[in-house]
Amino acid sequence: MQTQRDVQNRIGSIKNVEKITRAMEMVAAARLRRAEQRIEALRPYAGAIRRMTRQAAEAAENVPSLPILQEHDEQRRVGLLLVTGDRGLAGAFNSQILRAGLRAASEHESDGRSVVYYASGRRGVSSLTFRGKELAGRYVGFTDRPGYANAREIAEDLMATYVDDEVDVVEIFYNGYISPLRQVVRRETLLPLQRASVMGEEDEEEEEPDRDEPAHTHRALVEYEPEPEEILQRLVPDYVEISVYRALLESTASEHGARMTAMRNASENAGELIEDLTLEMNRARQAEITQEILEVVAGAEGLTG
């Protein structure tokens, strides 16, 4: 059994750890709120870009002539972008992205396709490098607060490799933010931006068109200057950048939520461990007192004897 001093030292160490985890939980909670606000602020702009891109695609006659919208005849090389964090101590936040990305890579390779890796966040870069994966792009140092410039850098690299036929498909893996307690791994095809994906479902906040009205009526009120094809050519890169930026923001919010939850669990576990050690310390103290009493009694009996 440990001595009373040993247990006291352990309790002191665990209390220091508990203070650190509670402080990290509070910091993560504050950063999470700011990340949620940034996601909410992005939604109107992202919705507007989506609508404008869809409407321009509906009006354009030569959409397939845009290289970024062309689907390659064969899918021989697949680009995988894994969005992780720069730091750990966030539970399974980083590991589940890596598992999902490596699982998808195995599926592609078993189908005869080669894989090109891109990683955002130091955790993803270091883990893939440790596994011997060669990275075509690595983006670090901004996961706590990603900016639009970071998303533009990533999007430009991915679009350039797609247009230059270096990859035929680009998939992105990131943690979608649902709540501080729940983050879901999302796997989305970023490129090619086929016509069907550009002209996707209406956003929930948009009003549904009158069903009795002809489908082409809402396009007749729009006059494009310059031509829709040129407008679409300018909008599509913004569409890709916004998609990457949204993934970065959701990943950041998910990271803060996961870290807040992990630190709360760590603090609760530390509290439980302190209670157990306090009980053990009391038992050690009681054993020491009992031993001292026995020694006093034995000494007294020796004197009287």
C-alpha atoms as a PDB file:
ATOM      1  CA  MET A   1       0.000   0.000   0.000  1.00  0.00           C
ATOM      2  CA  GLN A   2       1.220   3.494  -0.809  1.00  0.00           C
ATOM      3  CA  THR A   3       2.183   5.785   2.023  1.00  0.00           C
ATOM      4  CA  GLN A   4       0.081   8.793   2.937  1.00  0.00           C
ATOM      5  CA  ARG A   5       2.671  11.177   1.465  1.00  0.00           C
ATOM      6  CA  ASP A   6       2.747   9.280  -1.856  1.00  0.00           C
ATOM      7  CA  VAL A   7      -1.020   9.484  -2.187  1.00  0.00           C
ATOM      8  CA  GLN A   8      -0.992  13.183  -1.257  1.00  0.00           C
ATOM      9  CA  ASN A   9       1.557  13.847  -3.989  1.00  0.00           C
ATOM     10  CA  ARG A  10      -0.592  12.013  -6.550  1.00  0.00           C
ATOM     11  CA  ILE A  11      -3.675  13.970  -5.490  1.00  0.00           C
ATOM     12  CA  GLY A  12      -1.757  17.237  -5.874  1.00  0.00           C
ATOM     13  CA  SER A  13      -0.606  16.289  -9.378  1.00  0.00           C
ATOM     14  CA  ILE A  14      -4.086  15.266 -10.478  1.00  0.00           C
ATOM     15  CA  LYS A  15      -5.583  18.506  -9.098  1.00  0.00           C
ATOM     16  CA  ASN A  16      -3.107  20.467 -11.226  1.00  0.00           C
ATOM     17  CA  VAL A  17      -4.131  18.441 -14.282  1.00  0.00           C
ATOM     18  CA  GLU A  18      -7.803  19.069 -13.463  1.00  0.00           C
ATOM     19  CA  LYS A  19      -7.191  22.832 -13.357  1.00  0.00           C
ATOM     20  CA  ILE A  20      -5.518  22.683 -16.774  1.00  0.00           C
ATOM     21  CA  THR A  21      -8.298  20.617 -18.375  1.00  0.00           C
ATOM     22  CA  ARG A  22     -11.007  22.902 -16.966  1.00  0.00           C
ATOM     23  CA  ALA A  23      -9.153  25.944 -18.331  1.00  0.00           C
ATOM     24  CA  MET A  24      -8.812  24.271 -21.743  1.00  0.00           C
ATOM     25  CA  GLU A  25     -12.525  23.428 -21.668  1.00  0.00           C
ATOM     26  CA  MET A  26     -13.416  27.085 -21.058  1.00  0.00           C
ATOM     27  CA  VAL A  27     -11.086  28.274 -23.843  1.00  0.00           C
ATOM     28  CA  ALA A  28     -12.537  25.730 -26.264  1.00  0.00           C
ATOM     29  CA  ALA A  29     -16.090  26.790 -25.354  1.00  0.00           C
ATOM     30  CA  ALA A  30     -15.287  30.445 -26.073  1.00  0.00           C
ATOM     31  CA  ARG A  31     -13.640  29.613 -29.398  1.00  0.00           C
ATOM     32  CA  LEU A  32     -16.523  27.319 -30.308  1.00  0.00           C
ATOM     33  CA  ARG A  33     -19.016  30.158 -29.974  1.00  0.00           C
ATOM     34  CA  ARG A  34     -16.943  32.352 -32.315  1.00  0.00           C
ATOM     35  CA  ALA A  35     -16.648  29.484 -34.802  1.00  0.00           C
ATOM     36  CA  GLU A  36     -20.436  29.008 -34.740  1.00  0.00           C
ATOM     37  CA  GLN A  37     -20.911  32.709 -35.464  1.00  0.00           C
ATOM     38  CA  ARG A  38     -18.566  32.501 -38.462  1.00  0.00           C
ATOM     39  CA  ILE A  39     -20.530  29.556 -39.867  1.00  0.00           C
ATOM     40  CA  GLU A  40     -23.789  31.464 -39.448  1.00  0.00           C
ATOM     41  CA  ALA A  41     -22.285  34.523 -41.146  1.00  0.00           C
ATOM     42  CA  LEU A  42     -21.103  32.438 -44.108  1.00  0.00           C
ATOM     43  CA  ARG A  43     -24.460  30.826 -44.870  1.00  0.00           C
ATOM     44  CA  PRO A  44     -26.140  33.830 -46.628  1.00  0.00           C
ATOM     45  CA  TYR A  45     -23.101  34.411 -48.860  1.00  0.00           C
ATOM     46  CA  ALA A  46     -22.706  30.705 -49.637  1.00  0.00           C
ATOM     47  CA  GLY A  47     -26.425  30.484 -50.441  1.00  0.00           C
ATOM     48  CA  ALA A  48     -26.196  33.493 -52.774  1.00  0.00           C
ATOM     49  CA  ILE A  49     -23.187  32.040 -54.620  1.00  0.00           C
ATOM     50  CA  ARG A  50     -25.036  28.739 -54.976  1.00  0.00           C
ATOM     51  CA  ARG A  51     -28.154  30.402 -56.427  1.00  0.00           C
ATOM     52  CA  MET A  52     -26.193  32.630 -58.788  1.00  0.00           C
ATOM     53  CA  THR A  53     -24.116  29.717 -60.040  1.00  0.00           C
ATOM     54  CA  ARG A  54     -27.187  27.574 -60.579  1.00  0.00           C
ATOM     55  CA  GLN A  55     -29.088  30.316 -62.407  1.00  0.00           C
ATOM     56  CA  ALA A  56     -26.104  31.121 -64.631  1.00  0.00           C
ATOM     57  CA  ALA A  57     -25.729  27.416 -65.422  1.00  0.00           C
ATOM     58  CA  GLU A  58     -29.405  27.245 -66.379  1.00  0.00           C
ATOM     59  CA  ALA A  59     -29.039  30.210 -68.709  1.00  0.00           C
ATOM     60  CA  ALA A  60     -25.692  29.179 -70.207  1.00  0.00           C
ATOM     61  CA  GLU A  61     -25.647  27.122 -73.387  1.00  0.00           C
ATOM     62  CA  ASN A  62     -21.982  26.038 -73.368  1.00  0.00           C
ATOM     63  CA  VAL A  63     -21.494  24.871 -69.796  1.00  0.00           C
ATOM     64  CA  PRO A  64     -19.522  21.744 -70.842  1.00  0.00           C
ATOM     65  CA  SER A  65     -16.899  23.990 -72.458  1.00  0.00           C
ATOM     66  CA  LEU A  66     -15.643  25.038 -69.008  1.00  0.00           C
ATOM     67  CA  PRO A  67     -12.752  22.700 -68.052  1.00  0.00           C
ATOM     68  CA  ILE A  68     -13.616  22.799 -64.345  1.00  0.00           C
ATOM     69  CA  LEU A  69     -17.123  21.508 -65.143  1.00  0.00           C
ATOM     70  CA  GLN A  70     -16.000  18.715 -67.454  1.00  0.00           C
ATOM     71  CA  GLU A  71     -16.035  15.207 -66.114  1.00  0.00           C
ATOM     72  CA  HIS A  72     -12.992  13.243 -67.240  1.00  0.00           C
ATOM     73  CA  ASP A  73     -13.586  10.189 -69.385  1.00  0.00           C
ATOM     74  CA  GLU A  74     -11.632   7.900 -67.034  1.00  0.00           C
ATOM     75  CA  GLN A  75     -11.046   8.077 -63.327  1.00  0.00           C
ATOM     76  CA  ARG A  76      -7.469   6.905 -62.943  1.00  0.00           C
ATOM     77  CA  ARG A  77      -6.235   9.246 -60.200  1.00  0.00           C
ATOM     78  CA  VAL A  78      -8.177  10.465 -57.183  1.00  0.00           C
ATOM     79  CA  GLY A  79      -7.200  13.403 -55.000  1.00  0.00           C
ATOM     80  CA  LEU A  80      -8.118  13.124 -51.308  1.00  0.00           C
ATOM     81  CA  LEU A  81      -8.138  16.232 -49.113  1.00  0.00           C
ATOM     82  CA  LEU A  82      -8.150  15.373 -45.395  1.00  0.00           C
ATOM     83  CA  VAL A  83      -9.114  18.289 -43.136  1.00  0.00           C
ATOM     84  CA  THR A  84      -7.683  17.819 -39.632  1.00  0.00           C
ATOM     85  CA  GLY A  85      -6.453  20.097 -36.845  1.00  0.00           C
ATOM     86  CA  ASP A  86      -3.068  21.517 -35.906  1.00  0.00           C
ATOM     87  CA  ARG A  87      -3.375  20.263 -32.323  1.00  0.00           C
ATOM     88  CA  GLY A  88      -4.508  17.167 -30.483  1.00  0.00           C
ATOM     89  CA  LEU A  89      -6.325  16.671 -27.161  1.00  0.00           C
ATOM     90  CA  ALA A  90      -9.639  16.590 -29.010  1.00  0.00           C
ATOM     91  CA  GLY A  91     -10.725  12.985 -28.615  1.00  0.00           C
ATOM     92  CA  ALA A  92     -11.240  11.137 -31.895  1.00  0.00           C
ATOM     93  CA  PHE A  93     -11.511  14.337 -33.945  1.00  0.00           C
ATOM     94  CA  ASN A  94      -8.341  13.803 -35.990  1.00  0.00           C
ATOM     95  CA  SER A  95      -8.160  10.005 -35.947  1.00  0.00           C
ATOM     96  CA  GLN A  96     -11.620   9.487 -37.416  1.00  0.00           C
ATOM     97  CA  ILE A  97     -10.782  11.688 -40.416  1.00  0.00           C
ATOM     98  CA  LEU A  98      -7.567   9.770 -40.995  1.00  0.00           C
ATOM     99  CA  ARG A  99      -9.351   6.428 -40.737  1.00  0.00           C
ATOM    100  CA  ALA A 100     -12.051   7.522 -43.173  1.00  0.00           C
ATOM    101  CA  GLY A 101      -9.526   8.914 -45.655  1.00  0.00           C
ATOM    102  CA  LEU A 102      -7.264   5.857 -45.551  1.00  0.00           C
ATOM    103  CA  ARG A 103     -10.271   3.552 -45.870  1.00  0.00           C
ATOM    104  CA  ALA A 104     -11.423   5.460 -48.966  1.00  0.00           C
ATOM    105  CA  ALA A 105      -7.888   5.321 -50.377  1.00  0.00           C
ATOM    106  CA  SER A 106      -7.844   1.539 -49.961  1.00  0.00           C
ATOM    107  CA  GLU A 107     -11.172   1.312 -51.800  1.00  0.00           C
ATOM    108  CA  HIS A 108      -9.877   3.391 -54.697  1.00  0.00           C
ATOM    109  CA  GLU A 109      -6.621   1.455 -54.918  1.00  0.00           C
ATOM    110  CA  SER A 110      -8.476  -1.863 -54.870  1.00  0.00           C
ATOM    111  CA  ASP A 111     -10.460  -0.577 -57.882  1.00  0.00           C
ATOM    112  CA  GLY A 112      -7.240   0.194 -59.743  1.00  0.00           C
ATOM    113  CA  ARG A 113      -7.092   3.946 -59.103  1.00  0.00           C
ATOM    114  CA  SER A 114      -4.067   5.750 -57.706  1.00  0.00           C
ATOM    115  CA  VAL A 115      -4.467   8.210 -54.828  1.00  0.00           C
ATOM    116  CA  VAL A 116      -2.982  11.687 -54.396  1.00  0.00           C
ATOM    117  CA  TYR A 117      -3.038  12.983 -50.821  1.00  0.00           C
ATOM    118  CA  TYR A 118      -3.642  16.532 -49.618  1.00  0.00           C
ATOM    119  CA  ALA A 119      -3.781  17.370 -45.912  1.00  0.00           C
ATOM    120  CA  SER A 120      -4.887  20.412 -43.953  1.00  0.00           C
ATOM    121  CA  GLY A 121      -3.675  20.553 -40.355  1.00  0.00           C
ATOM    122  CA  ARG A 122      -0.442  19.407 -38.730  1.00  0.00           C
ATOM    123  CA  ARG A 123      -2.045  16.253 -37.335  1.00  0.00           C
ATOM    124  CA  GLY A 124      -3.061  15.041 -40.759  1.00  0.00           C
ATOM    125  CA  VAL A 125       0.277  15.986 -42.328  1.00  0.00           C
ATOM    126  CA  SER A 126       2.339  14.260 -39.635  1.00  0.00           C
ATOM    127  CA  SER A 127       0.157  11.127 -39.545  1.00  0.00           C
ATOM    128  CA  LEU A 128       0.188  10.637 -43.322  1.00  0.00           C
ATOM    129  CA  THR A 129       3.930  11.318 -43.486  1.00  0.00           C
ATOM    130  CA  PHE A 130       4.508   8.792 -40.680  1.00  0.00           C
ATOM    131  CA  ARG A 131       2.557   6.211 -42.703  1.00  0.00           C
ATOM    132  CA  GLY A 132       4.804   6.824 -45.696  1.00  0.00           C
ATOM    133  CA  LYS A 133       2.209   8.683 -47.796  1.00  0.00           C
ATOM    134  CA  GLU A 134       3.574  11.310 -50.159  1.00  0.00           C
ATOM    135  CA  LEU A 135       1.650  14.578 -49.897  1.00  0.00           C
ATOM    136  CA  ALA A 136       0.956  16.692 -52.975  1.00  0.00           C
ATOM    137  CA  GLY A 137      -0.220  19.553 -50.766  1.00  0.00           C
ATOM    138  CA  ARG A 138       0.105  20.370 -47.067  1.00  0.00           C
ATOM    139  CA  TYR A 139      -1.605  23.325 -45.389  1.00  0.00           C
ATOM    140  CA  VAL A 140      -0.904  24.085 -41.722  1.00  0.00           C
ATOM    141  CA  GLY A 141      -0.972  26.855 -39.152  1.00  0.00           C
ATOM    142  CA  PHE A 142      -4.536  28.165 -39.477  1.00  0.00           C
ATOM    143  CA  THR A 143      -6.958  25.490 -38.252  1.00  0.00           C
ATOM    144  CA  ASP A 144      -7.863  27.399 -35.060  1.00  0.00           C
ATOM    145  CA  ARG A 145      -9.149  30.306 -37.161  1.00  0.00           C
ATOM    146  CA  PRO A 146      -9.105  29.615 -40.918  1.00  0.00           C
ATOM    147  CA  GLY A 147      -9.383  32.553 -43.259  1.00  0.00           C
ATOM    148  CA  TYR A 148     -10.829  32.758 -46.741  1.00  0.00           C
ATOM    149  CA  ALA A 149      -7.311  33.162 -48.112  1.00  0.00           C
ATOM    150  CA  ASN A 150      -6.471  29.711 -46.755  1.00  0.00           C
ATOM    151  CA  ALA A 151      -9.492  28.211 -48.510  1.00  0.00           C
ATOM    152  CA  ARG A 152      -8.554  30.008 -51.737  1.00  0.00           C
ATOM    153  CA  GLU A 153      -5.016  28.592 -51.611  1.00  0.00           C
ATOM    154  CA  ILE A 154      -6.305  25.041 -51.192  1.00  0.00           C
ATOM    155  CA  ALA A 155      -9.047  25.442 -53.807  1.00  0.00           C
ATOM    156  CA  GLU A 156      -6.662  26.913 -56.398  1.00  0.00           C
ATOM    157  CA  ASP A 157      -4.262  23.990 -55.987  1.00  0.00           C
ATOM    158  CA  LEU A 158      -7.055  21.437 -56.324  1.00  0.00           C
ATOM    159  CA  MET A 159      -8.631  23.146 -59.341  1.00  0.00           C
ATOM    160  CA  ALA A 160      -5.259  23.459 -61.058  1.00  0.00           C
ATOM    161  CA  THR A 161      -4.487  19.763 -60.634  1.00  0.00           C
ATOM    162  CA  TYR A 162      -7.959  18.856 -61.916  1.00  0.00           C
ATOM    163  CA  VAL A 163      -7.822  21.135 -64.959  1.00  0.00           C
ATOM    164  CA  ASP A 164      -4.285  19.910 -65.765  1.00  0.00           C
ATOM    165  CA  ASP A 165      -5.552  16.287 -65.680  1.00  0.00           C
ATOM    166  CA  GLU A 166      -3.283  15.407 -62.774  1.00  0.00           C
ATOM    167  CA  VAL A 167      -6.341  14.074 -60.919  1.00  0.00           C
ATOM    168  CA  ASP A 168      -9.721  13.006 -62.257  1.00  0.00           C
ATOM    169  CA  VAL A 169     -11.740  13.303 -59.035  1.00  0.00           C
ATOM    170  CA  VAL A 170     -11.223  15.295 -55.834  1.00  0.00           C
ATOM    171  CA  GLU A 171     -12.850  14.200 -52.582  1.00  0.00           C
ATOM    172  CA  ILE A 172     -12.796  16.083 -49.291  1.00  0.00           C
ATOM    173  CA  PHE A 173     -13.054  14.588 -45.803  1.00  0.00           C
ATOM    174  CA  TYR A 174     -13.912  16.780 -42.835  1.00  0.00           C
ATOM    175  CA  ASN A 175     -15.824  16.765 -39.561  1.00  0.00           C
ATOM    176  CA  GLY A 176     -19.248  18.271 -40.074  1.00  0.00           C
ATOM    177  CA  TYR A 177     -20.401  20.276 -37.059  1.00  0.00           C
ATOM    178  CA  ILE A 178     -23.786  19.336 -35.625  1.00  0.00           C
ATOM    179  CA  SER A 179     -23.418  20.151 -31.921  1.00  0.00           C
ATOM    180  CA  PRO A 180     -20.611  20.381 -29.329  1.00  0.00           C
ATOM    181  CA  LEU A 181     -21.289  16.738 -28.501  1.00  0.00           C
ATOM    182  CA  ARG A 182     -21.677  15.469 -32.052  1.00  0.00           C
ATOM    183  CA  GLN A 183     -19.440  15.743 -35.097  1.00  0.00           C
ATOM    184  CA  VAL A 184     -19.977  13.627 -38.198  1.00  0.00           C
ATOM    185  CA  VAL A 185     -17.326  12.667 -40.736  1.00  0.00           C
ATOM    186  CA  ARG A 186     -18.404  13.901 -44.148  1.00  0.00           C
ATOM    187  CA  ARG A 187     -17.081  12.656 -47.454  1.00  0.00           C
ATOM    188  CA  GLU A 188     -17.950  14.892 -50.391  1.00  0.00           C
ATOM    189  CA  THR A 189     -16.916  15.053 -54.026  1.00  0.00           C
ATOM    190  CA  LEU A 190     -15.470  18.503 -54.601  1.00  0.00           C
ATOM    191  CA  LEU A 191     -14.521  18.082 -58.276  1.00  0.00           C
ATOM    192  CA  PRO A 192     -15.747  17.668 -60.949  1.00  0.00           C
ATOM    193  CA  LEU A 193     -18.507  20.224 -60.553  1.00  0.00           C
ATOM    194  CA  GLN A 194     -20.958  18.526 -62.826  1.00  0.00           C
ATOM    195  CA  ARG A 195     -24.042  20.360 -64.011  1.00  0.00           C
ATOM    196  CA  ALA A 196     -26.294  18.372 -61.687  1.00  0.00           C
ATOM    197  CA  SER A 197     -24.288  19.383 -58.611  1.00  0.00           C
ATOM    198  CA  VAL A 198     -24.166  23.055 -59.618  1.00  0.00           C
ATOM    199  CA  MET A 199     -27.906  23.027 -60.234  1.00  0.00           C
ATOM    200  CA  GLY A 200     -28.607  21.233 -56.964  1.00  0.00           C
ATOM    201  CA  GLU A 201     -31.643  21.339 -54.707  1.00  0.00           C
ATOM    202  CA  GLU A 202     -33.032  24.672 -53.631  1.00  0.00           C
ATOM    203  CA  ASP A 203     -31.797  25.943 -50.288  1.00  0.00           C
ATOM    204  CA  GLU A 204     -34.234  25.477 -47.436  1.00  0.00           C
ATOM    205  CA  GLU A 205     -34.573  29.199 -46.822  1.00  0.00           C
ATOM    206  CA  GLU A 206     -35.546  29.895 -50.438  1.00  0.00           C
ATOM    207  CA  GLU A 207     -39.178  30.198 -51.298  1.00  0.00           C
ATOM    208  CA  GLU A 208     -40.527  27.426 -53.482  1.00  0.00           C
ATOM    209  CA  PRO A 209     -41.604  28.556 -56.936  1.00  0.00           C
ATOM    210  CA  ASP A 210     -45.253  28.489 -57.912  1.00  0.00           C
ATOM    211  CA  ARG A 211     -45.996  25.013 -59.274  1.00  0.00           C
ATOM    212  CA  ASP A 212     -48.558  26.437 -61.724  1.00  0.00           C
ATOM    213  CA  GLU A 213     -45.930  28.759 -63.193  1.00  0.00           C
ATOM    214  CA  PRO A 214     -43.786  27.526 -66.110  1.00  0.00           C
ATOM    215  CA  ALA A 215     -40.292  26.444 -65.083  1.00  0.00           C
ATOM    216  CA  HIS A 216     -38.615  28.952 -67.405  1.00  0.00           C
ATOM    217  CA  THR A 217     -40.546  32.004 -66.147  1.00  0.00           C
ATOM    218  CA  HIS A 218     -38.083  32.893 -63.368  1.00  0.00           C
ATOM    219  CA  ARG A 219     -35.214  32.954 -65.884  1.00  0.00           C
ATOM    220  CA  ALA A 220     -36.966  35.274 -68.295  1.00  0.00           C
ATOM    221  CA  LEU A 221     -36.637  38.243 -65.900  1.00  0.00           C
ATOM    222  CA  VAL A 222     -32.826  38.047 -65.788  1.00  0.00           C
ATOM    223  CA  GLU A 223     -30.615  39.710 -68.362  1.00  0.00           C
ATOM    224  CA  TYR A 224     -26.920  38.787 -68.245  1.00  0.00           C
ATOM    225  CA  GLU A 225     -24.086  41.148 -69.052  1.00  0.00           C
ATOM    226  CA  PRO A 226     -21.619  39.700 -69.966  1.00  0.00           C
ATOM    227  CA  GLU A 227     -22.868  36.348 -71.254  1.00  0.00           C
ATOM    228  CA  PRO A 228     -23.905  33.623 -68.749  1.00  0.00           C
ATOM    229  CA  GLU A 229     -20.966  31.451 -69.834  1.00  0.00           C
ATOM    230  CA  GLU A 230     -18.473  34.152 -68.828  1.00  0.00           C
ATOM    231  CA  ILE A 231     -20.284  34.832 -65.559  1.00  0.00           C
ATOM    232  CA  LEU A 232     -20.314  31.131 -64.802  1.00  0.00           C
ATOM    233  CA  GLN A 233     -16.604  30.904 -65.531  1.00  0.00           C
ATOM    234  CA  ARG A 234     -16.025  33.549 -62.846  1.00  0.00           C
ATOM    235  CA  LEU A 235     -18.483  32.054 -60.346  1.00  0.00           C
ATOM    236  CA  VAL A 236     -17.329  28.448 -60.420  1.00  0.00           C
ATOM    237  CA  PRO A 237     -13.950  29.118 -58.735  1.00  0.00           C
ATOM    238  CA  ASP A 238     -15.788  31.075 -56.032  1.00  0.00           C
ATOM    239  CA  TYR A 239     -18.147  28.136 -55.639  1.00  0.00           C
ATOM    240  CA  VAL A 240     -15.237  25.753 -55.075  1.00  0.00           C
ATOM    241  CA  GLU A 241     -13.520  28.176 -52.687  1.00  0.00           C
ATOM    242  CA  ILE A 242     -16.707  28.593 -50.666  1.00  0.00           C
ATOM    243  CA  SER A 243     -17.108  24.816 -50.469  1.00  0.00           C
ATOM    244  CA  VAL A 244     -13.581  24.450 -49.085  1.00  0.00           C
ATOM    245  CA  TYR A 245     -14.048  27.408 -46.733  1.00  0.00           C
ATOM    246  CA  ARG A 246     -17.272  25.927 -45.367  1.00  0.00           C
ATOM    247  CA  ALA A 247     -15.475  22.635 -44.728  1.00  0.00           C
ATOM    248  CA  LEU A 248     -12.661  24.456 -42.900  1.00  0.00           C
ATOM    249  CA  LEU A 249     -15.101  26.404 -40.723  1.00  0.00           C
ATOM    250  CA  GLU A 250     -17.132  23.333 -39.862  1.00  0.00           C
ATOM    251  CA  SER A 251     -13.948  21.433 -39.069  1.00  0.00           C
ATOM    252  CA  THR A 252     -12.807  24.231 -36.756  1.00  0.00           C
ATOM    253  CA  ALA A 253     -16.126  24.288 -34.911  1.00  0.00           C
ATOM    254  CA  SER A 254     -16.045  20.495 -34.660  1.00  0.00           C
ATOM    255  CA  GLU A 255     -12.506  20.588 -33.285  1.00  0.00           C
ATOM    256  CA  HIS A 256     -13.414  23.084 -30.567  1.00  0.00           C
ATOM    257  CA  GLY A 257     -16.542  21.111 -29.705  1.00  0.00           C
ATOM    258  CA  ALA A 258     -14.609  17.843 -29.542  1.00  0.00           C
ATOM    259  CA  ARG A 259     -11.856  19.422 -27.430  1.00  0.00           C
ATOM    260  CA  MET A 260     -14.400  20.987 -25.065  1.00  0.00           C
ATOM    261  CA  THR A 261     -16.096  17.604 -24.600  1.00  0.00           C
ATOM    262  CA  ALA A 262     -12.783  15.764 -24.196  1.00  0.00           C
ATOM    263  CA  MET A 263     -11.523  18.245 -21.588  1.00  0.00           C
ATOM    264  CA  ARG A 264     -14.814  18.076 -19.685  1.00  0.00           C
ATOM    265  CA  ASN A 265     -14.582  14.291 -19.593  1.00  0.00           C
ATOM    266  CA  ALA A 266     -10.957  14.535 -18.482  1.00  0.00           C
ATOM    267  CA  SER A 267     -11.905  16.921 -15.672  1.00  0.00           C
ATOM    268  CA  GLU A 268     -14.697  14.624 -14.523  1.00  0.00           C
ATOM    269  CA  ASN A 269     -12.361  11.622 -14.601  1.00  0.00           C
ATOM    270  CA  ALA A 270      -9.780  13.580 -12.619  1.00  0.00           C
ATOM    271  CA  GLY A 271     -12.417  14.439 -10.015  1.00  0.00           C
ATOM    272  CA  GLU A 272     -13.407  10.801  -9.669  1.00  0.00           C
ATOM    273  CA  LEU A 273      -9.754   9.761  -9.378  1.00  0.00           C
ATOM    274  CA  ILE A 274      -9.180  12.393  -6.685  1.00  0.00           C
ATOM    275  CA  GLU A 275     -12.109  10.986  -4.691  1.00  0.00           C
ATOM    276  CA  ASP A 276     -10.711   7.464  -4.973  1.00  0.00           C
ATOM    277  CA  LEU A 277      -7.235   8.611  -3.956  1.00  0.00           C
ATOM    278  CA  THR A 278      -8.627  10.627  -1.052  1.00  0.00           C
ATOM    279  CA  LEU A 279     -10.319   7.478   0.211  1.00  0.00           C
ATOM    280  CA  GLU A 280      -7.063   5.587  -0.233  1.00  0.00           C
ATOM    281  CA  MET A 281      -5.187   8.338   1.610  1.00  0.00           C
ATOM    282  CA  ASN A 282      -7.638   8.149   4.510  1.00  0.00           C
ATOM    283  CA  ARG A 283      -7.122   4.409   4.653  1.00  0.00           C
ATOM    284  CA  ALA A 284      -3.345   4.905   4.632  1.00  0.00           C
ATOM    285  CA  ARG A 285      -3.656   7.496   7.402  1.00  0.00           C
ATOM    286  CA  GLN A 286      -5.837   5.137   9.411  1.00  0.00           C
ATOM    287  CA  ALA A 287      -3.328   2.324   8.891  1.00  0.00           C
ATOM    288  CA  GLU A 288      -0.482   4.551  10.048  1.00  0.00           C
ATOM    289  CA  ILE A 289      -2.400   5.652  13.156  1.00  0.00           C
ATOM    290  CA  THR A 290      -3.315   2.065  13.942  1.00  0.00           C
ATOM    291  CA  GLN A 291       0.328   1.053  13.553  1.00  0.00           C
ATOM    292  CA  GLU A 292       1.443   3.846  15.887  1.00  0.00           C
ATOM    293  CA  ILE A 293      -1.163   2.832  18.494  1.00  0.00           C
ATOM    294  CA  LEU A 294      -0.016  -0.771  18.298  1.00  0.00           C
ATOM    295  CA  GLU A 295       3.584   0.326  18.758  1.00  0.00           C
ATOM    296  CA  VAL A 296       2.632   2.470  21.781  1.00  0.00           C
ATOM    297  CA  VAL A 297       0.634  -0.379  23.324  1.00  0.00           C
ATOM    298  CA  ALA A 298       3.442  -2.837  22.673  1.00  0.00           C
ATOM    299  CA  GLY A 299       5.934  -0.438  24.285  1.00  0.00           C
ATOM    300  CA  ALA A 300       3.697   0.096  27.285  1.00  0.00           C
ATOM    301  CA  GLU A 301       3.249  -3.648  27.733  1.00  0.00           C
ATOM    302  CA  GLY A 302       7.004  -4.090  27.556  1.00  0.00           C
ATOM    303  CA  LEU A 303       7.532  -1.520  30.300  1.00  0.00           C
ATOM    304  CA  THR A 304       4.869  -2.965  32.575  1.00  0.00           C
ATOM    305  CA  GLY A 305       6.039  -6.477  31.906  1.00  0.00           C
END
